[in-house]
């Protein structure tokens, strides 16, 4: 595993790549490639190495994939890429779920990498308590990070596909409206994601009395940027639901080391998130456990490429013979 090493964060929309030139180093020569512009992961890796990596052929890589991974196989949840890492022609390849890599990055984030969304200050990276990370991007990712005698162990999962945490009368009405509109089962990702925001807006419009044919579609980016009353209320409902979802994750994992939020949606509405019902709903999830959830920090990750940082940390620990999984 002689550096440089290849690291990647492959989502449904973009694939981010970088090179790590020394153990413990940060990713360098970072470039973002559009998934839709490449036939598959091998094509994108080759394009990055030729165009941005000086033609280097790395001996090792760690790839974070937005979707389920098993052994050496991957499948993007929100894009058509699938296959095995053997197709890449790299001798040693670590394959992680994207939020698994994001979880590994958590002890390495501090200061300007994070924005508080309520509660106490984030713990120092050296404090060994269970942490959780979640976030709405193209989909809704969830992972945990557990301390052990051999280092931090990431715990990947598909928690974004649990039932949506509708609690208020309005939220329940939105779920009912969407079910009547043709969505039999409404999971969290259906509403709490970049692809979910337009669906949430549609459900809210239906509840407010609009006919299905009269609802003008809007993308997630348009909703975030709009001052239209329906779009503004959509974001308010989105952040309240996300607070309840984050509280459920905190309780499930016992994440007393903090809950961290990533993904591509929240950094664009960070100010609104701080002033929203997010934190109140987060703490509401444990009304029977006074003080448990209120003592957990909630932080927004604003670092530019945290999953690449996690992939680099994973390779460094592997090179040091520290078993992670």
Protein backbone atom coordinates (compact mmCIF):
# COMPACT_ATOMS: atom_id res chain seq x y z
CA UNK A 1 0.00 0.00 0.00
CA UNK A 2 2.62 2.51 -1.06
CA UNK A 3 1.07 5.98 -1.63
CA UNK A 4 -0.33 7.73 -3.51
CA UNK A 5 -3.72 6.23 -2.74
CA UNK A 6 -6.97 6.92 -4.56
CA UNK A 7 -10.00 8.04 -2.54
CA UNK A 8 -13.50 8.60 -3.90
CA UNK A 9 -16.96 9.67 -2.81
CA UNK A 10 -19.43 8.43 -5.41
CA UNK A 11 -22.98 9.78 -5.20
CA UNK A 12 -26.01 9.58 -7.43
CA UNK A 13 -25.16 12.89 -9.09
CA UNK A 14 -21.42 13.49 -8.67
CA UNK A 15 -18.30 11.39 -8.12
CA UNK A 16 -15.53 13.13 -6.16
CA UNK A 17 -11.96 11.86 -6.37
CA UNK A 18 -8.66 12.70 -4.71
CA UNK A 19 -5.16 11.36 -4.07
CA UNK A 20 -3.53 10.80 -0.68
CA UNK A 21 0.24 11.16 -0.96
CA UNK A 22 1.20 10.08 2.58
CA UNK A 23 -0.39 8.20 5.51
CA UNK A 24 -2.39 10.67 7.59
CA UNK A 25 -2.42 13.21 4.78
CA UNK A 26 -5.45 15.01 3.40
CA UNK A 27 -6.78 14.29 -0.10
CA UNK A 28 -5.13 16.34 -2.84
CA UNK A 29 -5.89 16.99 -6.53
CA UNK A 30 -9.60 16.77 -5.73
CA UNK A 31 -11.92 16.80 -8.74
CA UNK A 32 -15.66 16.33 -9.22
CA UNK A 33 -16.99 14.32 -12.17
CA UNK A 34 -20.65 14.06 -13.19
CA UNK A 35 -21.95 10.52 -12.88
CA UNK A 36 -24.21 10.93 -15.90
CA UNK A 37 -21.21 11.72 -18.09
CA UNK A 38 -19.52 8.34 -17.53
CA UNK A 39 -20.54 4.79 -18.39
CA UNK A 40 -19.55 3.40 -15.01
CA UNK A 41 -17.14 3.57 -12.11
CA UNK A 42 -14.13 2.12 -14.02
CA UNK A 43 -14.60 4.76 -16.71
CA UNK A 44 -14.81 7.57 -14.14
CA UNK A 45 -11.74 6.33 -12.23
CA UNK A 46 -9.71 6.14 -15.44
CA UNK A 47 -10.85 9.62 -16.48
CA UNK A 48 -9.89 11.11 -13.10
CA UNK A 49 -6.45 9.48 -13.01
CA UNK A 50 -5.67 10.54 -16.58
CA UNK A 51 -7.05 14.08 -16.37
CA UNK A 52 -6.36 15.06 -12.75
CA UNK A 53 -3.99 12.46 -11.30
CA UNK A 54 -1.10 12.81 -13.71
CA UNK A 55 -1.67 9.28 -15.00
CA UNK A 56 -0.63 7.70 -11.68
CA UNK A 57 -1.67 4.07 -11.11
CA UNK A 58 -2.35 3.71 -7.37
CA UNK A 59 -1.71 0.49 -5.47
CA UNK A 60 -4.59 1.09 -3.06
CA UNK A 61 -7.91 2.89 -2.99
CA UNK A 62 -10.88 3.49 -0.72
CA UNK A 63 -14.19 4.18 -2.45
CA UNK A 64 -17.28 5.51 -0.68
CA UNK A 65 -20.44 4.52 -2.58
CA UNK A 66 -23.94 6.03 -2.17
CA UNK A 67 -25.71 2.70 -1.89
CA UNK A 68 -25.40 -0.81 -0.49
CA UNK A 69 -22.02 -2.51 -0.71
CA UNK A 70 -21.27 -6.18 -0.08
CA UNK A 71 -17.79 -7.65 -0.19
CA UNK A 72 -16.37 -6.32 -3.48
CA UNK A 73 -19.72 -5.45 -5.10
CA UNK A 74 -21.46 -2.08 -5.22
CA UNK A 75 -24.75 -0.67 -6.51
CA UNK A 76 -25.55 3.04 -6.60
CA UNK A 77 -29.04 3.54 -5.17
CA UNK A 78 -29.90 6.58 -7.28
CA UNK A 79 -27.88 5.92 -10.45
CA UNK A 80 -27.16 3.01 -12.77
CA UNK A 81 -23.59 2.17 -11.77
CA UNK A 82 -22.95 -1.33 -10.41
CA UNK A 83 -20.17 -3.88 -10.53
CA UNK A 84 -17.14 -5.15 -8.63
CA UNK A 85 -13.95 -3.37 -7.58
CA UNK A 86 -11.95 -6.01 -9.47
CA UNK A 87 -12.89 -4.14 -12.64
CA UNK A 88 -10.78 -1.16 -11.54
CA UNK A 89 -7.42 -2.89 -11.85
CA UNK A 90 -6.17 -1.57 -8.48
CA UNK A 91 -4.46 -4.21 -6.27
CA UNK A 92 -6.13 -3.23 -2.97
CA UNK A 93 -9.54 -1.55 -2.82
CA UNK A 94 -11.63 -0.80 0.25
CA UNK A 95 -15.34 -0.44 -0.53
CA UNK A 96 -17.51 1.56 1.87
CA UNK A 97 -21.00 2.95 1.96
CA UNK A 98 -20.71 6.75 1.56
CA UNK A 99 -22.06 7.45 5.04
CA UNK A 100 -19.73 4.81 6.45
CA UNK A 101 -16.86 6.94 5.12
CA UNK A 102 -18.52 10.08 6.46
CA UNK A 103 -18.73 8.42 9.89
CA UNK A 104 -15.00 7.66 9.88
CA UNK A 105 -14.31 11.33 9.17
CA UNK A 106 -16.08 12.55 12.34
CA UNK A 107 -13.07 12.43 14.74
CA UNK A 108 -11.12 14.47 12.18
CA UNK A 109 -13.66 17.33 11.95
CA UNK A 110 -13.44 20.40 14.17
CA UNK A 111 -13.66 24.19 14.19
CA UNK A 112 -14.82 25.64 10.88
CA UNK A 113 -15.70 22.14 9.62
CA UNK A 114 -18.84 22.21 11.78
CA UNK A 115 -21.80 24.52 12.47
CA UNK A 116 -23.85 23.98 15.63
CA UNK A 117 -27.54 23.16 15.18
CA UNK A 118 -28.23 23.27 18.89
CA UNK A 119 -27.28 21.65 22.16
CA UNK A 120 -23.81 21.51 23.71
CA UNK A 121 -20.59 22.04 21.77
CA UNK A 122 -19.32 19.07 19.70
CA UNK A 123 -16.97 16.76 21.57
CA UNK A 124 -13.27 16.68 20.82
CA UNK A 125 -12.35 14.04 18.26
CA UNK A 126 -10.36 12.14 20.87
CA UNK A 127 -13.41 11.61 23.14
CA UNK A 128 -14.49 8.02 22.61
CA UNK A 129 -18.27 8.01 22.59
CA UNK A 130 -20.68 6.62 20.00
CA UNK A 131 -21.46 9.11 17.24
CA UNK A 132 -24.02 9.20 14.44
CA UNK A 133 -24.10 10.87 11.06
CA UNK A 134 -27.06 11.34 8.74
CA UNK A 135 -27.97 13.61 5.92
CA UNK A 136 -30.19 14.43 2.98
CA UNK A 137 -28.44 14.46 -0.37
CA UNK A 138 -29.75 12.71 -3.46
CA UNK A 139 -30.98 10.14 -0.91
CA UNK A 140 -30.96 9.99 2.91
CA UNK A 141 -27.88 8.38 4.45
CA UNK A 142 -27.30 7.12 8.00
CA UNK A 143 -24.30 5.58 9.78
CA UNK A 144 -22.81 5.21 13.23
CA UNK A 145 -19.27 5.30 14.62
CA UNK A 146 -18.41 3.11 17.60
CA UNK A 147 -15.18 3.21 19.64
CA UNK A 148 -13.34 -0.05 20.28
CA UNK A 149 -9.98 -1.27 21.52
CA UNK A 150 -8.72 -1.36 17.92
CA UNK A 151 -9.95 2.06 16.87
CA UNK A 152 -13.17 3.53 15.54
CA UNK A 153 -15.58 1.08 13.89
CA UNK A 154 -18.06 2.51 11.35
CA UNK A 155 -21.54 1.01 11.34
CA UNK A 156 -23.23 1.42 7.95
CA UNK A 157 -26.92 0.95 7.38
CA UNK A 158 -29.93 1.89 5.30
CA UNK A 159 -31.75 3.88 7.99
CA UNK A 160 -33.04 6.39 5.45
CA UNK A 161 -35.66 3.84 4.40
CA UNK A 162 -37.45 3.58 7.75
CA UNK A 163 -40.95 5.04 8.03
CA UNK A 164 -41.12 8.83 7.89
CA UNK A 165 -41.37 10.25 11.46
CA UNK A 166 -44.65 12.13 10.96
CA UNK A 167 -45.90 13.40 14.32
CA UNK A 168 -47.87 16.63 13.89
CA UNK A 169 -51.36 16.70 12.39
CA UNK A 170 -50.00 18.50 9.31
CA UNK A 171 -47.26 15.91 8.76
CA UNK A 172 -49.73 13.04 9.08
CA UNK A 173 -52.05 14.75 6.59
CA UNK A 174 -49.16 15.13 4.13
CA UNK A 175 -48.39 11.41 4.38
CA UNK A 176 -52.05 10.56 3.82
CA UNK A 177 -52.22 12.90 0.81
CA UNK A 178 -49.13 11.32 -0.77
CA UNK A 179 -50.49 7.81 -0.21
CA UNK A 180 -53.74 8.82 -1.91
CA UNK A 181 -51.63 10.36 -4.69
CA UNK A 182 -50.06 6.99 -5.50
CA UNK A 183 -47.23 6.44 -2.97
CA UNK A 184 -48.34 3.40 -0.92
CA UNK A 185 -45.54 3.54 1.65
CA UNK A 186 -43.87 6.82 2.63
CA UNK A 187 -40.40 6.27 4.04
CA UNK A 188 -38.08 8.94 5.43
CA UNK A 189 -36.03 9.25 2.24
CA UNK A 190 -39.19 9.89 0.23
CA UNK A 191 -39.42 13.29 1.96
CA UNK A 192 -36.05 13.98 3.59
CA UNK A 193 -33.76 14.15 0.57
CA UNK A 194 -33.03 16.21 -2.49
CA UNK A 195 -35.41 14.03 -4.47
CA UNK A 196 -37.87 14.12 -1.57
CA UNK A 197 -38.23 17.89 -1.24
CA UNK A 198 -40.36 18.21 -4.41
CA UNK A 199 -42.52 15.32 -3.20
CA UNK A 200 -42.93 16.97 0.22
CA UNK A 201 -43.95 20.22 -1.48
CA UNK A 202 -46.50 18.36 -3.57
CA UNK A 203 -47.95 16.67 -0.49
CA UNK A 204 -48.20 19.99 1.31
CA UNK A 205 -49.88 21.59 -1.72
CA UNK A 206 -52.44 18.77 -1.79
CA UNK A 207 -53.18 19.29 1.91
CA UNK A 208 -53.61 23.02 1.29
CA UNK A 209 -56.31 22.24 -1.27
CA UNK A 210 -54.50 22.28 -4.62
CA UNK A 211 -55.67 19.86 -7.29
CA UNK A 212 -53.00 17.39 -8.45
CA UNK A 213 -53.07 18.78 -12.00
CA UNK A 214 -52.58 22.38 -10.84
CA UNK A 215 -49.34 21.80 -8.89
CA UNK A 216 -46.39 23.20 -10.85
CA UNK A 217 -43.28 21.02 -10.33
CA UNK A 218 -40.18 22.53 -8.69
CA UNK A 219 -36.73 21.03 -8.17
CA UNK A 220 -35.08 20.89 -4.76
CA UNK A 221 -32.74 23.74 -5.72
CA UNK A 222 -35.69 25.87 -6.78
CA UNK A 223 -37.55 25.15 -3.55
CA UNK A 224 -34.50 26.07 -1.44
CA UNK A 225 -34.02 29.35 -3.32
CA UNK A 226 -37.69 30.33 -3.55
CA UNK A 227 -39.48 32.84 -1.33
CA UNK A 228 -42.83 31.45 -2.40
CA UNK A 229 -45.01 30.73 0.70
CA UNK A 230 -45.49 27.08 -0.25
CA UNK A 231 -41.74 26.57 -0.72
CA UNK A 232 -40.97 28.33 2.58
CA UNK A 233 -43.47 26.14 4.45
CA UNK A 234 -42.05 23.05 2.71
CA UNK A 235 -38.60 23.82 4.13
CA UNK A 236 -40.10 24.39 7.60
CA UNK A 237 -41.83 20.99 7.53
CA UNK A 238 -38.69 19.37 6.10
CA UNK A 239 -36.51 20.64 8.95
CA UNK A 240 -39.02 19.62 11.63
CA UNK A 241 -39.27 16.10 10.20
CA UNK A 242 -35.48 15.93 9.95
CA UNK A 243 -35.18 16.85 13.63
CA UNK A 244 -37.47 13.99 14.59
CA UNK A 245 -35.58 11.60 12.35
CA UNK A 246 -32.22 12.68 13.83
CA UNK A 247 -33.58 12.17 17.34
CA UNK A 248 -34.67 8.64 16.44
CA UNK A 249 -31.18 7.89 15.11
CA UNK A 250 -29.58 9.30 18.27
CA UNK A 251 -31.74 7.08 20.47
CA UNK A 252 -31.29 3.97 18.33
CA UNK A 253 -27.48 4.20 18.32
CA UNK A 254 -27.06 5.76 21.76
CA UNK A 255 -25.07 8.52 20.04
CA UNK A 256 -23.97 10.47 23.10
CA UNK A 257 -20.87 11.58 21.22
CA UNK A 258 -23.00 13.71 18.92
CA UNK A 259 -25.24 13.62 15.88
CA UNK A 260 -23.69 15.09 12.75
CA UNK A 261 -25.58 16.11 9.64
CA UNK A 262 -24.12 15.96 6.15
CA UNK A 263 -25.42 15.70 2.61
CA UNK A 264 -25.79 18.35 -0.05
CA UNK A 265 -29.10 19.96 0.98
CA UNK A 266 -28.51 21.35 4.48
CA UNK A 267 -25.44 23.56 3.85
CA UNK A 268 -27.63 25.66 1.54
CA UNK A 269 -30.16 26.31 4.32
CA UNK A 270 -27.87 26.30 7.38
CA UNK A 271 -29.24 29.58 8.74
CA UNK A 272 -32.82 28.43 8.40
CA UNK A 273 -31.95 25.12 10.06
CA UNK A 274 -30.59 26.91 13.15
CA UNK A 275 -33.77 28.99 13.45
CA UNK A 276 -36.18 26.14 12.69
CA UNK A 277 -38.01 23.52 14.74
CA UNK A 278 -35.19 21.05 14.05
CA UNK A 279 -33.65 21.07 17.54
CA UNK A 280 -37.00 21.17 19.36
CA UNK A 281 -38.20 18.12 17.45
CA UNK A 282 -34.85 16.41 18.03
CA UNK A 283 -35.31 16.73 21.79
CA UNK A 284 -39.02 15.77 21.66
CA UNK A 285 -38.08 12.23 20.62
CA UNK A 286 -37.04 11.33 24.17
CA UNK A 287 -39.73 12.90 26.36
CA UNK A 288 -39.54 9.88 28.67
CA UNK A 289 -35.75 10.25 29.08
CA UNK A 290 -35.29 13.73 30.47
CA UNK A 291 -31.88 15.15 29.64
CA UNK A 292 -30.72 12.24 27.45
CA UNK A 293 -31.18 13.76 24.02
CA UNK A 294 -30.81 17.38 25.18
CA UNK A 295 -27.22 16.55 26.21
CA UNK A 296 -26.34 15.41 22.65
CA UNK A 297 -24.76 17.96 20.31
CA UNK A 298 -26.21 18.34 16.81
CA UNK A 299 -23.75 19.71 14.26
CA UNK A 300 -23.89 20.43 10.55
CA UNK A 301 -20.85 19.31 8.56
CA UNK A 302 -19.71 22.13 6.26
CA UNK A 303 -16.26 20.73 5.42
CA UNK A 304 -15.90 20.55 1.64
CA UNK A 305 -15.06 16.85 1.15
CA UNK A 306 -15.62 15.00 4.45
CA UNK A 307 -16.23 11.57 2.87
CA UNK A 308 -12.84 11.82 1.14
CA UNK A 309 -11.32 12.66 4.54
CA UNK A 310 -12.97 9.53 5.94
CA UNK A 311 -11.73 7.37 3.07
CA UNK A 312 -8.20 8.69 3.61
CA UNK A 313 -8.43 7.94 7.36
CA UNK A 314 -9.66 4.42 6.58
CA UNK A 315 -6.62 3.77 4.36
CA UNK A 316 -4.23 5.23 6.93
CA UNK A 317 -5.57 2.92 9.64
CA UNK A 318 -5.42 -0.07 7.30
CA UNK A 319 -1.82 0.75 6.42
CA UNK A 320 -1.10 0.84 10.14
CA UNK A 321 -2.64 -2.64 10.50
CA UNK A 322 -5.54 -1.33 12.56
CA UNK A 323 -8.55 -3.50 11.72
CA UNK A 324 -11.67 -1.41 11.12
CA UNK A 325 -14.26 -3.90 9.99
